[in-house]
Amino acid sequence: MTPDALATLHAVAFTTDRPWSAHEFKDLLSQTGAVLAGDYRAFALGRFIAPELEILTVACHPDHRRQGLARKAVMTILDQAQMRGAETVFLEVASDNIAARTLYDALGFAKVGQRRGYYQRADGPPVDALVLSKAIVPSNTA
């Protein structure tokens, strides 16, 4: 996917938050350790910083939600994390994003922290970010 396509999908998926620009996606994708999975319907973007994987964003087009596409994209980068020897995966999620929290709970992520008022909303008060983490067993040691 191109940075423009990623930015377009991100803007449609995140209507209450500031969407990321094509320039931001281009910068992230050019970084060492960047990993992207998915397609025009849903994607997950992460960054490896050994021995960790940070999931930076997961987006799903509203017309394609509840089809397992975001889950598939996240699972793909989790598999890559395992193959690359990562031991921990972490991410941030808005406390009011119930769909994402349900997905991450199902995948075994646990809350390890909270950032109060992290997400600024144009149409309401700030929302806390939950910091979630998941330990994985690297395949090179399994």
C-alpha atoms as a PDB file:
ATOM      1  CA  MET A   1       0.000   0.000   0.000  1.00  0.00           C
ATOM      2  CA  THR A   2       1.186   3.482  -0.745  1.00  0.00           C
ATOM      3  CA  PRO A   3       1.473   6.195   1.893  1.00  0.00           C
ATOM      4  CA  ASP A   4      -1.445   7.975   0.213  1.00  0.00           C
ATOM      5  CA  ALA A   5      -3.649   4.868   0.424  1.00  0.00           C
ATOM      6  CA  LEU A   6      -2.690   4.341   4.062  1.00  0.00           C
ATOM      7  CA  ALA A   7      -3.514   7.963   4.912  1.00  0.00           C
ATOM      8  CA  THR A   8      -6.870   7.747   3.129  1.00  0.00           C
ATOM      9  CA  LEU A   9      -7.883   4.590   4.992  1.00  0.00           C
ATOM     10  CA  HIS A  10      -6.603   5.982   8.296  1.00  0.00           C
ATOM     11  CA  ALA A  11      -8.732   9.125   7.851  1.00  0.00           C
ATOM     12  CA  VAL A  12     -11.883   7.074   7.198  1.00  0.00           C
ATOM     13  CA  ALA A  13     -11.192   4.729  10.117  1.00  0.00           C
ATOM     14  CA  PHE A  14     -10.372   7.411  12.697  1.00  0.00           C
ATOM     15  CA  THR A  15     -13.018  10.105  12.474  1.00  0.00           C
ATOM     16  CA  THR A  16     -12.623  11.304  16.078  1.00  0.00           C
ATOM     17  CA  ASP A  17      -8.822  11.528  16.042  1.00  0.00           C
ATOM     18  CA  ARG A  18      -6.392  13.419  13.853  1.00  0.00           C
ATOM     19  CA  PRO A  19      -5.616  11.104  10.960  1.00  0.00           C
ATOM     20  CA  TRP A  20      -2.024  10.531   9.955  1.00  0.00           C
ATOM     21  CA  SER A  21      -0.827  12.154   6.751  1.00  0.00           C
ATOM     22  CA  ALA A  22       0.728  10.439   3.749  1.00  0.00           C
ATOM     23  CA  HIS A  23       3.976  12.160   4.686  1.00  0.00           C
ATOM     24  CA  GLU A  24       3.861  10.628   8.184  1.00  0.00           C
ATOM     25  CA  PHE A  25       3.215   7.172   6.729  1.00  0.00           C
ATOM     26  CA  LYS A  26       6.055   7.618   4.246  1.00  0.00           C
ATOM     27  CA  ASP A  27       8.424   8.550   7.074  1.00  0.00           C
ATOM     28  CA  LEU A  28       7.351   5.595   9.214  1.00  0.00           C
ATOM     29  CA  LEU A  29       7.642   3.116   6.353  1.00  0.00           C
ATOM     30  CA  SER A  30      11.158   4.316   5.573  1.00  0.00           C
ATOM     31  CA  GLN A  31      12.383   3.590   9.103  1.00  0.00           C
ATOM     32  CA  THR A  32      14.466   0.535   9.828  1.00  0.00           C
ATOM     33  CA  GLY A  33      12.271  -2.168  11.310  1.00  0.00           C
ATOM     34  CA  ALA A  34       8.958  -0.921   9.882  1.00  0.00           C
ATOM     35  CA  VAL A  35       6.439  -3.659   9.143  1.00  0.00           C
ATOM     36  CA  LEU A  36       3.097  -3.358   7.359  1.00  0.00           C
ATOM     37  CA  ALA A  37       0.388  -5.966   6.835  1.00  0.00           C
ATOM     38  CA  GLY A  38      -3.032  -5.767   5.246  1.00  0.00           C
ATOM     39  CA  ASP A  39      -4.672  -4.159   2.265  1.00  0.00           C
ATOM     40  CA  TYR A  40      -7.023  -1.339   1.263  1.00  0.00           C
ATOM     41  CA  ARG A  41      -9.672  -2.630   3.714  1.00  0.00           C
ATOM     42  CA  ALA A  42      -7.562  -2.955   6.863  1.00  0.00           C
ATOM     43  CA  PHE A  43      -3.926  -2.683   7.849  1.00  0.00           C
ATOM     44  CA  ALA A  44      -1.569  -2.870  10.804  1.00  0.00           C
ATOM     45  CA  LEU A  45       1.661  -0.889  10.958  1.00  0.00           C
ATOM     46  CA  GLY A  46       4.414  -1.629  13.420  1.00  0.00           C
ATOM     47  CA  ARG A  47       8.074  -1.019  14.121  1.00  0.00           C
ATOM     48  CA  PHE A  48      10.670  -3.434  15.438  1.00  0.00           C
ATOM     49  CA  ILE A  49      13.057  -2.181  18.073  1.00  0.00           C
ATOM     50  CA  ALA A  50      14.700  -5.394  19.207  1.00  0.00           C
ATOM     51  CA  PRO A  51      13.586  -7.249  21.180  1.00  0.00           C
ATOM     52  CA  GLU A  52      10.227  -5.488  20.886  1.00  0.00           C
ATOM     53  CA  LEU A  53       7.557  -4.767  18.318  1.00  0.00           C
ATOM     54  CA  GLU A  54       5.509  -1.615  18.728  1.00  0.00           C
ATOM     55  CA  ILE A  55       2.179  -1.653  16.926  1.00  0.00           C
ATOM     56  CA  LEU A  56       1.833   1.949  15.824  1.00  0.00           C
ATOM     57  CA  THR A  57      -1.641   1.871  14.299  1.00  0.00           C
ATOM     58  CA  VAL A  58      -4.335  -0.492  13.108  1.00  0.00           C
ATOM     59  CA  ALA A  59      -7.054   0.801  10.802  1.00  0.00           C
ATOM     60  CA  CYS A  60     -10.107  -0.818   9.246  1.00  0.00           C
ATOM     61  CA  HIS A  61     -12.495   0.764   6.771  1.00  0.00           C
ATOM     62  CA  PRO A  62     -15.975   1.044   8.344  1.00  0.00           C
ATOM     63  CA  ASP A  63     -17.503  -0.920   5.435  1.00  0.00           C
ATOM     64  CA  HIS A  64     -15.232  -3.878   6.213  1.00  0.00           C
ATOM     65  CA  ARG A  65     -15.417  -4.073   9.989  1.00  0.00           C
ATOM     66  CA  ARG A  66     -16.332  -7.255  11.862  1.00  0.00           C
ATOM     67  CA  GLN A  67     -14.887  -9.449   9.108  1.00  0.00           C
ATOM     68  CA  GLY A  68     -11.630 -10.355  10.876  1.00  0.00           C
ATOM     69  CA  LEU A  69      -9.473  -8.181   8.610  1.00  0.00           C
ATOM     70  CA  ALA A  70      -7.848  -6.088  11.348  1.00  0.00           C
ATOM     71  CA  ARG A  71      -7.266  -9.259  13.357  1.00  0.00           C
ATOM     72  CA  LYS A  72      -5.606 -10.889  10.341  1.00  0.00           C
ATOM     73  CA  ALA A  73      -3.328  -7.854   9.817  1.00  0.00           C
ATOM     74  CA  VAL A  74      -2.324  -7.804  13.502  1.00  0.00           C
ATOM     75  CA  MET A  75      -1.732 -11.563  13.511  1.00  0.00           C
ATOM     76  CA  THR A  76       0.503 -11.212  10.448  1.00  0.00           C
ATOM     77  CA  ILE A  77       2.795  -8.723  12.157  1.00  0.00           C
ATOM     78  CA  LEU A  78       2.712 -10.759  15.385  1.00  0.00           C
ATOM     79  CA  ASP A  79       3.904 -13.756  13.350  1.00  0.00           C
ATOM     80  CA  GLN A  80       6.663 -11.597  11.866  1.00  0.00           C
ATOM     81  CA  ALA A  81       7.616 -10.449  15.358  1.00  0.00           C
ATOM     82  CA  GLN A  82       7.947 -14.041  16.467  1.00  0.00           C
ATOM     83  CA  MET A  83      10.063 -14.927  13.416  1.00  0.00           C
ATOM     84  CA  ARG A  84      12.316 -11.895  13.964  1.00  0.00           C
ATOM     85  CA  GLY A  85      12.975 -12.835  17.564  1.00  0.00           C
ATOM     86  CA  ALA A  86      10.874 -10.197  19.325  1.00  0.00           C
ATOM     87  CA  GLU A  87       9.959 -11.034  22.902  1.00  0.00           C
ATOM     88  CA  THR A  88       7.381  -8.338  23.613  1.00  0.00           C
ATOM     89  CA  VAL A  89       4.738  -6.492  21.626  1.00  0.00           C
ATOM     90  CA  PHE A  90       3.174  -3.281  22.882  1.00  0.00           C
ATOM     91  CA  LEU A  91       0.699  -0.684  21.688  1.00  0.00           C
ATOM     92  CA  GLU A  92      -1.534   2.152  22.805  1.00  0.00           C
ATOM     93  CA  VAL A  93      -5.292   2.195  22.364  1.00  0.00           C
ATOM     94  CA  ALA A  94      -7.915   4.769  23.236  1.00  0.00           C
ATOM     95  CA  SER A  95      -9.823   3.688  26.325  1.00  0.00           C
ATOM     96  CA  ASP A  96     -13.119   4.309  24.506  1.00  0.00           C
ATOM     97  CA  ASN A  97     -12.196   2.189  21.458  1.00  0.00           C
ATOM     98  CA  ILE A  98     -14.180  -0.870  22.522  1.00  0.00           C
ATOM     99  CA  ALA A  99     -13.783  -2.756  19.233  1.00  0.00           C
ATOM    100  CA  ALA A 100      -9.991  -2.470  19.309  1.00  0.00           C
ATOM    101  CA  ARG A 101      -9.823  -3.304  23.007  1.00  0.00           C
ATOM    102  CA  THR A 102     -11.931  -6.415  22.396  1.00  0.00           C
ATOM    103  CA  LEU A 103      -9.556  -7.493  19.627  1.00  0.00           C
ATOM    104  CA  TYR A 104      -6.461  -6.939  21.752  1.00  0.00           C
ATOM    105  CA  ASP A 105      -8.018  -8.740  24.737  1.00  0.00           C
ATOM    106  CA  ALA A 106      -8.798 -11.720  22.481  1.00  0.00           C
ATOM    107  CA  LEU A 107      -5.180 -11.737  21.278  1.00  0.00           C
ATOM    108  CA  GLY A 108      -3.845 -11.870  24.842  1.00  0.00           C
ATOM    109  CA  PHE A 109      -2.724  -8.281  25.373  1.00  0.00           C
ATOM    110  CA  ALA A 110      -2.818  -6.958  28.930  1.00  0.00           C
ATOM    111  CA  LYS A 111      -2.877  -3.424  30.303  1.00  0.00           C
ATOM    112  CA  VAL A 112       0.508  -2.330  31.603  1.00  0.00           C
ATOM    113  CA  GLY A 113      -0.025   1.418  31.790  1.00  0.00           C
ATOM    114  CA  GLN A 114      -2.265   4.382  31.137  1.00  0.00           C
ATOM    115  CA  ARG A 115      -1.697   7.859  29.746  1.00  0.00           C
ATOM    116  CA  ARG A 116      -4.364  10.228  30.988  1.00  0.00           C
ATOM    117  CA  GLY A 117      -5.890  12.577  28.428  1.00  0.00           C
ATOM    118  CA  TYR A 118      -3.547  11.335  25.689  1.00  0.00           C
ATOM    119  CA  TYR A 119      -5.962  11.465  22.747  1.00  0.00           C
ATOM    120  CA  GLN A 120      -7.291  14.933  22.014  1.00  0.00           C
ATOM    121  CA  ARG A 121     -10.785  14.895  20.530  1.00  0.00           C
ATOM    122  CA  ALA A 122     -12.241  17.744  18.505  1.00  0.00           C
ATOM    123  CA  ASP A 123     -15.783  16.895  19.604  1.00  0.00           C
ATOM    124  CA  GLY A 124     -15.222  16.121  23.272  1.00  0.00           C
ATOM    125  CA  PRO A 125     -12.854  15.812  26.196  1.00  0.00           C
ATOM    126  CA  PRO A 126      -9.488  14.069  25.898  1.00  0.00           C
ATOM    127  CA  VAL A 127      -9.464  10.293  26.178  1.00  0.00           C
ATOM    128  CA  ASP A 128      -6.961   8.144  28.047  1.00  0.00           C
ATOM    129  CA  ALA A 129      -4.577   5.859  26.197  1.00  0.00           C
ATOM    130  CA  LEU A 130      -4.182   2.364  27.557  1.00  0.00           C
ATOM    131  CA  VAL A 131      -0.731   0.870  27.106  1.00  0.00           C
ATOM    132  CA  LEU A 132      -1.055  -2.837  26.340  1.00  0.00           C
ATOM    133  CA  SER A 133       1.620  -5.484  26.107  1.00  0.00           C
ATOM    134  CA  LYS A 134       1.935  -9.117  25.138  1.00  0.00           C
ATOM    135  CA  ALA A 135       4.860 -11.464  25.629  1.00  0.00           C
ATOM    136  CA  ILE A 136       5.683 -13.757  22.734  1.00  0.00           C
ATOM    137  CA  VAL A 137       8.083 -16.630  22.335  1.00  0.00           C
ATOM    138  CA  PRO A 138      10.517 -15.929  19.500  1.00  0.00           C
ATOM    139  CA  SER A 139      10.497 -18.760  16.957  1.00  0.00           C
ATOM    140  CA  ASN A 140      14.300 -18.742  16.890  1.00  0.00           C
ATOM    141  CA  THR A 141      14.277 -19.955  20.510  1.00  0.00           C
ATOM    142  CA  ALA A 142      11.197 -22.196  20.432  1.00  0.00           C
END
